[in-house]
mmCIF file of all heavy atoms, coordinates in Angstrom:
data_MODEL
# 
_entry.id   MODEL 
# 
loop_
_atom_site.group_PDB 
_atom_site.id 
_atom_site.type_symbol 
_atom_site.label_atom_id 
_atom_site.label_alt_id 
_atom_site.label_comp_id 
_atom_site.label_asym_id 
_atom_site.label_entity_id 
_atom_site.label_seq_id 
_atom_site.pdbx_PDB_ins_code 
_atom_site.Cartn_x 
_atom_site.Cartn_y 
_atom_site.Cartn_z 
_atom_site.occupancy 
_atom_site.B_iso_or_equiv 
_atom_site.pdbx_formal_charge 
_atom_site.auth_seq_id 
_atom_site.auth_comp_id 
_atom_site.auth_asym_id 
_atom_site.auth_atom_id 
_atom_site.pdbx_PDB_model_num 
ATOM 1   N N   . ASN A 1 1  ? 12.323 -0.227 -12.522 1.00 0.00 ? 1  ASN A N   1 
ATOM 2   C CA  . ASN A 1 1  ? 12.866 0.578  -11.422 1.00 0.00 ? 1  ASN A CA  1 
ATOM 3   C C   . ASN A 1 1  ? 14.002 1.483  -11.886 1.00 0.00 ? 1  ASN A C   1 
ATOM 4   O O   . ASN A 1 1  ? 14.006 2.680  -11.605 1.00 0.00 ? 1  ASN A O   1 
ATOM 5   C CB  . ASN A 1 1  ? 13.344 -0.309 -10.267 1.00 0.00 ? 1  ASN A CB  1 
ATOM 6   C CG  . ASN A 1 1  ? 12.226 -0.706 -9.338  1.00 0.00 ? 1  ASN A CG  1 
ATOM 7   O OD1 . ASN A 1 1  ? 11.086 -0.285 -9.488  1.00 0.00 ? 1  ASN A OD1 1 
ATOM 8   N ND2 . ASN A 1 1  ? 12.541 -1.537 -8.365  1.00 0.00 ? 1  ASN A ND2 1 
ATOM 9   N N   . ALA A 1 2  ? 14.966 0.917  -12.588 1.00 0.00 ? 2  ALA A N   1 
ATOM 10  C CA  . ALA A 1 2  ? 16.099 1.721  -13.061 1.00 0.00 ? 2  ALA A CA  1 
ATOM 11  C C   . ALA A 1 2  ? 15.647 2.780  -14.059 1.00 0.00 ? 2  ALA A C   1 
ATOM 12  O O   . ALA A 1 2  ? 16.150 3.910  -14.042 1.00 0.00 ? 2  ALA A O   1 
ATOM 13  C CB  . ALA A 1 2  ? 17.175 0.828  -13.666 1.00 0.00 ? 2  ALA A CB  1 
ATOM 14  N N   . ALA A 1 3  ? 14.682 2.443  -14.909 1.00 0.00 ? 3  ALA A N   1 
ATOM 15  C CA  . ALA A 1 3  ? 14.189 3.410  -15.895 1.00 0.00 ? 3  ALA A CA  1 
ATOM 16  C C   . ALA A 1 3  ? 13.507 4.593  -15.210 1.00 0.00 ? 3  ALA A C   1 
ATOM 17  O O   . ALA A 1 3  ? 13.696 5.746  -15.601 1.00 0.00 ? 3  ALA A O   1 
ATOM 18  C CB  . ALA A 1 3  ? 13.222 2.736  -16.867 1.00 0.00 ? 3  ALA A CB  1 
ATOM 19  N N   . VAL A 1 4  ? 12.724 4.313  -14.168 1.00 0.00 ? 4  VAL A N   1 
ATOM 20  C CA  . VAL A 1 4  ? 12.057 5.397  -13.437 1.00 0.00 ? 4  VAL A CA  1 
ATOM 21  C C   . VAL A 1 4  ? 13.097 6.274  -12.746 1.00 0.00 ? 4  VAL A C   1 
ATOM 22  O O   . VAL A 1 4  ? 13.049 7.502  -12.833 1.00 0.00 ? 4  VAL A O   1 
ATOM 23  C CB  . VAL A 1 4  ? 11.038 4.847  -12.418 1.00 0.00 ? 4  VAL A CB  1 
ATOM 24  C CG1 . VAL A 1 4  ? 10.496 5.949  -11.527 1.00 0.00 ? 4  VAL A CG1 1 
ATOM 25  C CG2 . VAL A 1 4  ? 9.889  4.140  -13.145 1.00 0.00 ? 4  VAL A CG2 1 
ATOM 26  N N   . LEU A 1 5  ? 14.056 5.642  -12.077 1.00 0.00 ? 5  LEU A N   1 
ATOM 27  C CA  . LEU A 1 5  ? 15.110 6.421  -11.418 1.00 0.00 ? 5  LEU A CA  1 
ATOM 28  C C   . LEU A 1 5  ? 15.889 7.241  -12.439 1.00 0.00 ? 5  LEU A C   1 
ATOM 29  O O   . LEU A 1 5  ? 16.181 8.423  -12.210 1.00 0.00 ? 5  LEU A O   1 
ATOM 30  C CB  . LEU A 1 5  ? 16.043 5.499  -10.641 1.00 0.00 ? 5  LEU A CB  1 
ATOM 31  C CG  . LEU A 1 5  ? 15.442 4.845  -9.402  1.00 0.00 ? 5  LEU A CG  1 
ATOM 32  C CD1 . LEU A 1 5  ? 16.348 3.730  -8.888  1.00 0.00 ? 5  LEU A CD1 1 
ATOM 33  C CD2 . LEU A 1 5  ? 15.189 5.876  -8.312  1.00 0.00 ? 5  LEU A CD2 1 
ATOM 34  N N   . GLY A 1 6  ? 16.208 6.630  -13.562 1.00 0.00 ? 6  GLY A N   1 
ATOM 35  C CA  . GLY A 1 6  ? 16.932 7.345  -14.609 1.00 0.00 ? 6  GLY A CA  1 
ATOM 36  C C   . GLY A 1 6  ? 16.163 8.537  -15.147 1.00 0.00 ? 6  GLY A C   1 
ATOM 37  O O   . GLY A 1 6  ? 16.735 9.592  -15.406 1.00 0.00 ? 6  GLY A O   1 
ATOM 38  N N   . SER A 1 7  ? 14.856 8.383  -15.296 1.00 0.00 ? 7  SER A N   1 
ATOM 39  C CA  . SER A 1 7  ? 14.057 9.498  -15.806 1.00 0.00 ? 7  SER A CA  1 
ATOM 40  C C   . SER A 1 7  ? 14.050 10.665 -14.820 1.00 0.00 ? 7  SER A C   1 
ATOM 41  O O   . SER A 1 7  ? 13.973 11.818 -15.225 1.00 0.00 ? 7  SER A O   1 
ATOM 42  C CB  . SER A 1 7  ? 12.633 9.055  -16.137 1.00 0.00 ? 7  SER A CB  1 
ATOM 43  O OG  . SER A 1 7  ? 11.870 8.868  -14.975 1.00 0.00 ? 7  SER A OG  1 
ATOM 44  N N   . LEU A 1 8  ? 14.157 10.359 -13.535 1.00 0.00 ? 8  LEU A N   1 
ATOM 45  C CA  . LEU A 1 8  ? 14.177 11.419 -12.526 1.00 0.00 ? 8  LEU A CA  1 
ATOM 46  C C   . LEU A 1 8  ? 15.567 12.002 -12.309 1.00 0.00 ? 8  LEU A C   1 
ATOM 47  O O   . LEU A 1 8  ? 15.725 12.995 -11.593 1.00 0.00 ? 8  LEU A O   1 
ATOM 48  C CB  . LEU A 1 8  ? 13.614 10.899 -11.201 1.00 0.00 ? 8  LEU A CB  1 
ATOM 49  C CG  . LEU A 1 8  ? 12.113 10.599 -11.230 1.00 0.00 ? 8  LEU A CG  1 
ATOM 50  C CD1 . LEU A 1 8  ? 11.679 9.906  -9.946  1.00 0.00 ? 8  LEU A CD1 1 
ATOM 51  C CD2 . LEU A 1 8  ? 11.314 11.878 -11.456 1.00 0.00 ? 8  LEU A CD2 1 
ATOM 52  N N   . SER A 1 9  ? 16.575 11.413 -12.952 1.00 0.00 ? 9  SER A N   1 
ATOM 53  C CA  . SER A 1 9  ? 17.935 11.945 -12.808 1.00 0.00 ? 9  SER A CA  1 
ATOM 54  C C   . SER A 1 9  ? 18.074 13.313 -13.460 1.00 0.00 ? 9  SER A C   1 
ATOM 55  O O   . SER A 1 9  ? 19.002 14.051 -13.171 1.00 0.00 ? 9  SER A O   1 
ATOM 56  C CB  . SER A 1 9  ? 18.965 10.976 -13.394 1.00 0.00 ? 9  SER A CB  1 
ATOM 57  O OG  . SER A 1 9  ? 18.854 10.911 -14.803 1.00 0.00 ? 9  SER A OG  1 
ATOM 58  N N   . HIS A 1 10 ? 17.129 13.660 -14.324 1.00 0.00 ? 10 HIS A N   1 
ATOM 59  C CA  . HIS A 1 10 ? 17.150 14.953 -15.008 1.00 0.00 ? 10 HIS A CA  1 
ATOM 60  C C   . HIS A 1 10 ? 16.412 16.031 -14.222 1.00 0.00 ? 10 HIS A C   1 
ATOM 61  O O   . HIS A 1 10 ? 16.350 17.172 -14.653 1.00 0.00 ? 10 HIS A O   1 
ATOM 62  C CB  . HIS A 1 10 ? 16.556 14.817 -16.404 1.00 0.00 ? 10 HIS A CB  1 
ATOM 63  C CG  . HIS A 1 10 ? 17.217 13.760 -17.218 1.00 0.00 ? 10 HIS A CG  1 
ATOM 64  N ND1 . HIS A 1 10 ? 18.515 13.839 -17.650 1.00 0.00 ? 10 HIS A ND1 1 
ATOM 65  C CD2 . HIS A 1 10 ? 16.770 12.560 -17.651 1.00 0.00 ? 10 HIS A CD2 1 
ATOM 66  C CE1 . HIS A 1 10 ? 18.838 12.750 -18.316 1.00 0.00 ? 10 HIS A CE1 1 
ATOM 67  N NE2 . HIS A 1 10 ? 17.790 11.952 -18.326 1.00 0.00 ? 10 HIS A NE2 1 
ATOM 68  N N   . GLY A 1 11 ? 15.823 15.646 -13.099 1.00 0.00 ? 11 GLY A N   1 
ATOM 69  C CA  . GLY A 1 11 ? 15.111 16.601 -12.256 1.00 0.00 ? 11 GLY A CA  1 
ATOM 70  C C   . GLY A 1 11 ? 13.719 16.105 -11.931 1.00 0.00 ? 11 GLY A C   1 
ATOM 71  O O   . GLY A 1 11 ? 13.258 15.092 -12.470 1.00 0.00 ? 11 GLY A O   1 
ATOM 72  N N   . PRO A 1 12 ? 13.032 16.807 -11.021 1.00 0.00 ? 12 PRO A N   1 
ATOM 73  C CA  . PRO A 1 12 ? 11.685 16.407 -10.620 1.00 0.00 ? 12 PRO A CA  1 
ATOM 74  C C   . PRO A 1 12 ? 10.736 16.357 -11.815 1.00 0.00 ? 12 PRO A C   1 
ATOM 75  O O   . PRO A 1 12 ? 10.898 17.097 -12.789 1.00 0.00 ? 12 PRO A O   1 
ATOM 76  C CB  . PRO A 1 12 ? 11.267 17.516 -9.641  1.00 0.00 ? 12 PRO A CB  1 
ATOM 77  C CG  . PRO A 1 12 ? 12.547 18.105 -9.161  1.00 0.00 ? 12 PRO A CG  1 
ATOM 78  C CD  . PRO A 1 12 ? 13.500 17.998 -10.321 1.00 0.00 ? 12 PRO A CD  1 
ATOM 79  N N   . ALA A 1 13 ? 9.739  15.469 -11.711 1.00 0.00 ? 13 ALA A N   1 
ATOM 80  C CA  . ALA A 1 13 ? 8.786  15.310 -12.808 1.00 0.00 ? 13 ALA A CA  1 
ATOM 81  C C   . ALA A 1 13 ? 7.464  14.793 -12.264 1.00 0.00 ? 13 ALA A C   1 
ATOM 82  O O   . ALA A 1 13 ? 7.419  14.143 -11.220 1.00 0.00 ? 13 ALA A O   1 
ATOM 83  C CB  . ALA A 1 13 ? 9.333  14.341 -13.855 1.00 0.00 ? 13 ALA A CB  1 
ATOM 84  N N   . GLY A 1 14 ? 6.417  15.079 -12.998 1.00 0.00 ? 14 GLY A N   1 
ATOM 85  C CA  . GLY A 1 14 ? 5.097  14.564 -12.673 1.00 0.00 ? 14 GLY A CA  1 
ATOM 86  C C   . GLY A 1 14 ? 4.879  13.199 -13.306 1.00 0.00 ? 14 GLY A C   1 
ATOM 87  O O   . GLY A 1 14 ? 5.683  12.731 -14.120 1.00 0.00 ? 14 GLY A O   1 
ATOM 88  N N   . PHE A 1 15 ? 3.775  12.571 -12.939 1.00 0.00 ? 15 PHE A N   1 
ATOM 89  C CA  . PHE A 1 15 ? 3.449  11.226 -13.423 1.00 0.00 ? 15 PHE A CA  1 
ATOM 90  C C   . PHE A 1 15 ? 3.456  11.166 -14.944 1.00 0.00 ? 15 PHE A C   1 
ATOM 91  O O   . PHE A 1 15 ? 4.066  10.282 -15.538 1.00 0.00 ? 15 PHE A O   1 
ATOM 92  C CB  . PHE A 1 15 ? 2.085  10.803 -12.867 1.00 0.00 ? 15 PHE A CB  1 
ATOM 93  C CG  . PHE A 1 15 ? 1.738  9.380  -13.166 1.00 0.00 ? 15 PHE A CG  1 
ATOM 94  C CD1 . PHE A 1 15 ? 2.043  8.377  -12.255 1.00 0.00 ? 15 PHE A CD1 1 
ATOM 95  C CD2 . PHE A 1 15 ? 1.101  9.028  -14.349 1.00 0.00 ? 15 PHE A CD2 1 
ATOM 96  C CE1 . PHE A 1 15 ? 1.732  7.049  -12.531 1.00 0.00 ? 15 PHE A CE1 1 
ATOM 97  C CE2 . PHE A 1 15 ? 0.785  7.707  -14.627 1.00 0.00 ? 15 PHE A CE2 1 
ATOM 98  C CZ  . PHE A 1 15 ? 1.098  6.715  -13.713 1.00 0.00 ? 15 PHE A CZ  1 
ATOM 99  N N   . ARG A 1 16 ? 2.746  12.077 -15.612 1.00 0.00 ? 16 ARG A N   1 
ATOM 100 C CA  . ARG A 1 16 ? 2.639  12.056 -17.078 1.00 0.00 ? 16 ARG A CA  1 
ATOM 101 C C   . ARG A 1 16 ? 3.996  12.232 -17.739 1.00 0.00 ? 16 ARG A C   1 
ATOM 102 O O   . ARG A 1 16 ? 4.313  11.577 -18.740 1.00 0.00 ? 16 ARG A O   1 
ATOM 103 C CB  . ARG A 1 16 ? 1.695  13.153 -17.581 1.00 0.00 ? 16 ARG A CB  1 
ATOM 104 C CG  . ARG A 1 16 ? 0.266  12.803 -17.490 1.00 0.00 ? 16 ARG A CG  1 
ATOM 105 C CD  . ARG A 1 16 ? -0.123 11.740 -18.538 1.00 0.00 ? 16 ARG A CD  1 
ATOM 106 N NE  . ARG A 1 16 ? -1.060 10.833 -17.906 1.00 0.00 ? 16 ARG A NE  1 
ATOM 107 C CZ  . ARG A 1 16 ? -0.974 9.514  -17.865 1.00 0.00 ? 16 ARG A CZ  1 
ATOM 108 N NH1 . ARG A 1 16 ? 0.004  8.887  -18.454 1.00 0.00 ? 16 ARG A NH1 1 
ATOM 109 N NH2 . ARG A 1 16 ? -1.852 8.780  -17.251 1.00 0.00 ? 16 ARG A NH2 1 
ATOM 110 N N   . GLU A 1 17 ? 4.810  13.121 -17.196 1.00 0.00 ? 17 GLU A N   1 
ATOM 111 C CA  . GLU A 1 17 ? 6.133  13.364 -17.769 1.00 0.00 ? 17 GLU A CA  1 
ATOM 112 C C   . GLU A 1 17 ? 7.007  12.097 -17.665 1.00 0.00 ? 17 GLU A C   1 
ATOM 113 O O   . GLU A 1 17 ? 7.691  11.730 -18.617 1.00 0.00 ? 17 GLU A O   1 
ATOM 114 C CB  . GLU A 1 17 ? 6.802  14.531 -17.044 1.00 0.00 ? 17 GLU A CB  1 
ATOM 115 C CG  . GLU A 1 17 ? 8.078  15.007 -17.680 1.00 0.00 ? 17 GLU A CG  1 
ATOM 116 C CD  . GLU A 1 17 ? 8.662  16.224 -16.977 1.00 0.00 ? 17 GLU A CD  1 
ATOM 117 O OE1 . GLU A 1 17 ? 8.041  16.756 -16.035 1.00 0.00 ? 17 GLU A OE1 1 
ATOM 118 O OE2 . GLU A 1 17 ? 9.771  16.608 -17.372 1.00 0.00 ? 17 GLU A OE2 1 
ATOM 119 N N   . ILE A 1 18 ? 6.935  11.436 -16.522 1.00 0.00 ? 18 ILE A N   1 
ATOM 120 C CA  . ILE A 1 18 ? 7.691  10.190 -16.348 1.00 0.00 ? 18 ILE A CA  1 
ATOM 121 C C   . ILE A 1 18 ? 7.167  9.134  -17.314 1.00 0.00 ? 18 ILE A C   1 
ATOM 122 O O   . ILE A 1 18 ? 7.939  8.449  -17.991 1.00 0.00 ? 18 ILE A O   1 
ATOM 123 C CB  . ILE A 1 18 ? 7.607  9.690  -14.899 1.00 0.00 ? 18 ILE A CB  1 
ATOM 124 C CG1 . ILE A 1 18 ? 8.228  10.710 -13.944 1.00 0.00 ? 18 ILE A CG1 1 
ATOM 125 C CG2 . ILE A 1 18 ? 8.299  8.336  -14.751 1.00 0.00 ? 18 ILE A CG2 1 
ATOM 126 C CD1 . ILE A 1 18 ? 7.920  10.445 -12.472 1.00 0.00 ? 18 ILE A CD1 1 
ATOM 127 N N   . SER A 1 19 ? 5.855  9.014  -17.405 1.00 0.00 ? 19 SER A N   1 
ATOM 128 C CA  . SER A 1 19 ? 5.227  8.033  -18.285 1.00 0.00 ? 19 SER A CA  1 
ATOM 129 C C   . SER A 1 19 ? 5.648  8.234  -19.735 1.00 0.00 ? 19 SER A C   1 
ATOM 130 O O   . SER A 1 19 ? 5.958  7.277  -20.440 1.00 0.00 ? 19 SER A O   1 
ATOM 131 C CB  . SER A 1 19 ? 3.710  8.119  -18.153 1.00 0.00 ? 19 SER A CB  1 
ATOM 132 O OG  . SER A 1 19 ? 3.071  7.210  -19.003 1.00 0.00 ? 19 SER A OG  1 
ATOM 133 N N   . ARG A 1 20 ? 5.670  9.487  -20.182 1.00 0.00 ? 20 ARG A N   1 
ATOM 134 C CA  . ARG A 1 20 ? 6.062  9.784  -21.566 1.00 0.00 ? 20 ARG A CA  1 
ATOM 135 C C   . ARG A 1 20 ? 7.541  9.484  -21.816 1.00 0.00 ? 20 ARG A C   1 
ATOM 136 O O   . ARG A 1 20 ? 7.930  9.166  -22.938 1.00 0.00 ? 20 ARG A O   1 
ATOM 137 C CB  . ARG A 1 20 ? 5.768  11.240 -21.911 1.00 0.00 ? 20 ARG A CB  1 
ATOM 138 C CG  . ARG A 1 20 ? 4.302  11.502 -22.217 1.00 0.00 ? 20 ARG A CG  1 
ATOM 139 C CD  . ARG A 1 20 ? 4.100  12.890 -22.806 1.00 0.00 ? 20 ARG A CD  1 
ATOM 140 N NE  . ARG A 1 20 ? 4.469  13.943 -21.870 1.00 0.00 ? 20 ARG A NE  1 
ATOM 141 C CZ  . ARG A 1 20 ? 3.636  14.549 -21.029 1.00 0.00 ? 20 ARG A CZ  1 
ATOM 142 N NH1 . ARG A 1 20 ? 2.365  14.197 -21.003 1.00 0.00 ? 20 ARG A NH1 1 
ATOM 143 N NH2 . ARG A 1 20 ? 4.048  15.485 -20.220 1.00 0.00 ? 20 ARG A NH2 1 
ATOM 144 N N   . SER A 1 21 ? 8.365  9.582  -20.778 1.00 0.00 ? 21 SER A N   1 
ATOM 145 C CA  . SER A 1 21 ? 9.808  9.373  -20.961 1.00 0.00 ? 21 SER A CA  1 
ATOM 146 C C   . SER A 1 21 ? 10.200 7.897  -20.996 1.00 0.00 ? 21 SER A C   1 
ATOM 147 O O   . SER A 1 21 ? 11.314 7.566  -21.388 1.00 0.00 ? 21 SER A O   1 
ATOM 148 C CB  . SER A 1 21 ? 10.593 10.098 -19.878 1.00 0.00 ? 21 SER A CB  1 
ATOM 149 O OG  . SER A 1 21 ? 10.470 9.440  -18.636 1.00 0.00 ? 21 SER A OG  1 
ATOM 150 N N   . ILE A 1 22 ? 9.280  7.011  -20.585 1.00 0.00 ? 22 ILE A N   1 
ATOM 151 C CA  . ILE A 1 22 ? 9.574  5.577  -20.550 1.00 0.00 ? 22 ILE A CA  1 
ATOM 152 C C   . ILE A 1 22 ? 8.608  4.864  -21.489 1.00 0.00 ? 22 ILE A C   1 
ATOM 153 O O   . ILE A 1 22 ? 7.436  4.708  -21.175 1.00 0.00 ? 22 ILE A O   1 
ATOM 154 C CB  . ILE A 1 22 ? 9.440  5.011  -19.119 1.00 0.00 ? 22 ILE A CB  1 
ATOM 155 C CG1 . ILE A 1 22 ? 10.334 5.790  -18.154 1.00 0.00 ? 22 ILE A CG1 1 
ATOM 156 C CG2 . ILE A 1 22 ? 9.779  3.524  -19.107 1.00 0.00 ? 22 ILE A CG2 1 
ATOM 157 C CD1 . ILE A 1 22 ? 10.097 5.430  -16.698 1.00 0.00 ? 22 ILE A CD1 1 
ATOM 158 N N   . GLU A 1 23 ? 9.110  4.423  -22.621 1.00 0.00 ? 23 GLU A N   1 
ATOM 159 C CA  . GLU A 1 23 ? 8.261  3.748  -23.603 1.00 0.00 ? 23 GLU A CA  1 
ATOM 160 C C   . GLU A 1 23 ? 7.731  2.434  -23.058 1.00 0.00 ? 23 GLU A C   1 
ATOM 161 O O   . GLU A 1 23 ? 8.435  1.719  -22.358 1.00 0.00 ? 23 GLU A O   1 
ATOM 162 C CB  . GLU A 1 23 ? 9.055  3.472  -24.883 1.00 0.00 ? 23 GLU A CB  1 
ATOM 163 C CG  . GLU A 1 23 ? 9.401  4.713  -25.659 1.00 0.00 ? 23 GLU A CG  1 
ATOM 164 C CD  . GLU A 1 23 ? 10.131 4.377  -26.945 1.00 0.00 ? 23 GLU A CD  1 
ATOM 165 O OE1 . GLU A 1 23 ? 9.924  3.271  -27.487 1.00 0.00 ? 23 GLU A OE1 1 
ATOM 166 O OE2 . GLU A 1 23 ? 10.900 5.231  -27.398 1.00 0.00 ? 23 GLU A OE2 1 
ATOM 167 N N   . ARG A 1 24 ? 6.504  2.131  -23.359 1.00 0.00 ? 24 ARG A N   1 
ATOM 168 C CA  . ARG A 1 24 ? 5.849  0.838  -23.090 1.00 0.00 ? 24 ARG A CA  1 
ATOM 169 C C   . ARG A 1 24 ? 5.553  0.553  -21.618 1.00 0.00 ? 24 ARG A C   1 
ATOM 170 O O   . ARG A 1 24 ? 5.234  -0.572 -21.264 1.00 0.00 ? 24 ARG A O   1 
ATOM 171 C CB  . ARG A 1 24 ? 6.660  -0.318 -23.689 1.00 0.00 ? 24 ARG A CB  1 
ATOM 172 C CG  . ARG A 1 24 ? 6.794  -0.261 -25.199 1.00 0.00 ? 24 ARG A CG  1 
ATOM 173 C CD  . ARG A 1 24 ? 7.502  -1.456 -25.766 1.00 0.00 ? 24 ARG A CD  1 
ATOM 174 N NE  . ARG A 1 24 ? 8.765  -1.754 -25.122 1.00 0.00 ? 24 ARG A NE  1 
ATOM 175 C CZ  . ARG A 1 24 ? 9.956  -1.362 -25.557 1.00 0.00 ? 24 ARG A CZ  1 
ATOM 176 N NH1 . ARG A 1 24 ? 10.050 -0.657 -26.650 1.00 0.00 ? 24 ARG A NH1 1 
ATOM 177 N NH2 . ARG A 1 24 ? 11.039 -1.694 -24.914 1.00 0.00 ? 24 ARG A NH2 1 
ATOM 178 N N   . ILE A 1 25 ? 5.640  1.528  -20.725 1.00 0.00 ? 25 ILE A N   1 
ATOM 179 C CA  . ILE A 1 25 ? 5.267  1.270  -19.333 1.00 0.00 ? 25 ILE A CA  1 
ATOM 180 C C   . ILE A 1 25 ? 3.795  1.653  -19.163 1.00 0.00 ? 25 ILE A C   1 
ATOM 181 O O   . ILE A 1 25 ? 3.366  2.722  -19.616 1.00 0.00 ? 25 ILE A O   1 
ATOM 182 C CB  . ILE A 1 25 ? 6.167  2.022  -18.331 1.00 0.00 ? 25 ILE A CB  1 
ATOM 183 C CG1 . ILE A 1 25 ? 5.895  1.546  -16.903 1.00 0.00 ? 25 ILE A CG1 1 
ATOM 184 C CG2 . ILE A 1 25 ? 6.022  3.528  -18.454 1.00 0.00 ? 25 ILE A CG2 1 
ATOM 185 C CD1 . ILE A 1 25 ? 6.891  2.021  -15.870 1.00 0.00 ? 25 ILE A CD1 1 
ATOM 186 N N   . SER A 1 26 ? 3.022  0.775  -18.560 1.00 0.00 ? 26 SER A N   1 
ATOM 187 C CA  . SER A 1 26 ? 1.603  1.085  -18.338 1.00 0.00 ? 26 SER A CA  1 
ATOM 188 C C   . SER A 1 26 ? 1.469  1.994  -17.123 1.00 0.00 ? 26 SER A C   1 
ATOM 189 O O   . SER A 1 26 ? 2.357  2.055  -16.266 1.00 0.00 ? 26 SER A O   1 
ATOM 190 C CB  . SER A 1 26 ? 0.806  -0.205 -18.119 1.00 0.00 ? 26 SER A CB  1 
ATOM 191 O OG  . SER A 1 26 ? 1.142  -0.774 -16.860 1.00 0.00 ? 26 SER A OG  1 
ATOM 192 N N   . ASP A 1 27 ? 0.363  2.692  -17.047 1.00 0.00 ? 27 ASP A N   1 
ATOM 193 C CA  . ASP A 1 27 ? 0.116  3.586  -15.914 1.00 0.00 ? 27 ASP A CA  1 
ATOM 194 C C   . ASP A 1 27 ? 0.091  2.820  -14.593 1.00 0.00 ? 27 ASP A C   1 
ATOM 195 O O   . ASP A 1 27 ? 0.615  3.296  -13.584 1.00 0.00 ? 27 ASP A O   1 
ATOM 196 C CB  . ASP A 1 27 ? -1.198 4.353  -16.090 1.00 0.00 ? 27 ASP A CB  1 
ATOM 197 C CG  . ASP A 1 27 ? -1.081 5.461  -17.127 1.00 0.00 ? 27 ASP A CG  1 
ATOM 198 O OD1 . ASP A 1 27 ? 0.038  5.732  -17.608 1.00 0.00 ? 27 ASP A OD1 1 
ATOM 199 O OD2 . ASP A 1 27 ? -2.126 6.061  -17.445 1.00 0.00 ? 27 ASP A OD2 1 
ATOM 200 N N   . SER A 1 28 ? -0.517 1.629  -14.581 1.00 0.00 ? 28 SER A N   1 
ATOM 201 C CA  . SER A 1 28 ? -0.604 0.881  -13.325 1.00 0.00 ? 28 SER A CA  1 
ATOM 202 C C   . SER A 1 28 ? 0.772  0.403  -12.873 1.00 0.00 ? 28 SER A C   1 
ATOM 203 O O   . SER A 1 28 ? 1.092  0.452  -11.674 1.00 0.00 ? 28 SER A O   1 
ATOM 204 C CB  . SER A 1 28 ? -1.564 -0.305 -13.461 1.00 0.00 ? 28 SER A CB  1 
ATOM 205 O OG  . SER A 1 28 ? -1.109 -1.229 -14.411 1.00 0.00 ? 28 SER A OG  1 
ATOM 206 N N   . VAL A 1 29 ? 1.601  -0.034 -13.804 1.00 0.00 ? 29 VAL A N   1 
ATOM 207 C CA  . VAL A 1 29 ? 2.962  -0.466 -13.444 1.00 0.00 ? 29 VAL A CA  1 
ATOM 208 C C   . VAL A 1 29 ? 3.778  0.731  -12.974 1.00 0.00 ? 29 VAL A C   1 
ATOM 209 O O   . VAL A 1 29 ? 4.495  0.641  -11.966 1.00 0.00 ? 29 VAL A O   1 
ATOM 210 C CB  . VAL A 1 29 ? 3.650  -1.183 -14.624 1.00 0.00 ? 29 VAL A CB  1 
ATOM 211 C CG1 . VAL A 1 29 ? 5.128  -1.421 -14.331 1.00 0.00 ? 29 VAL A CG1 1 
ATOM 212 C CG2 . VAL A 1 29 ? 2.943  -2.497 -14.916 1.00 0.00 ? 29 VAL A CG2 1 
# 
């Protein structure tokens, strides 16, 4: 949760961009 929020602190992003910014998170999670 914190990692996703942190990744969006830099501005809006799409699913793939968020996924690439967080190592080891699966698409389903």
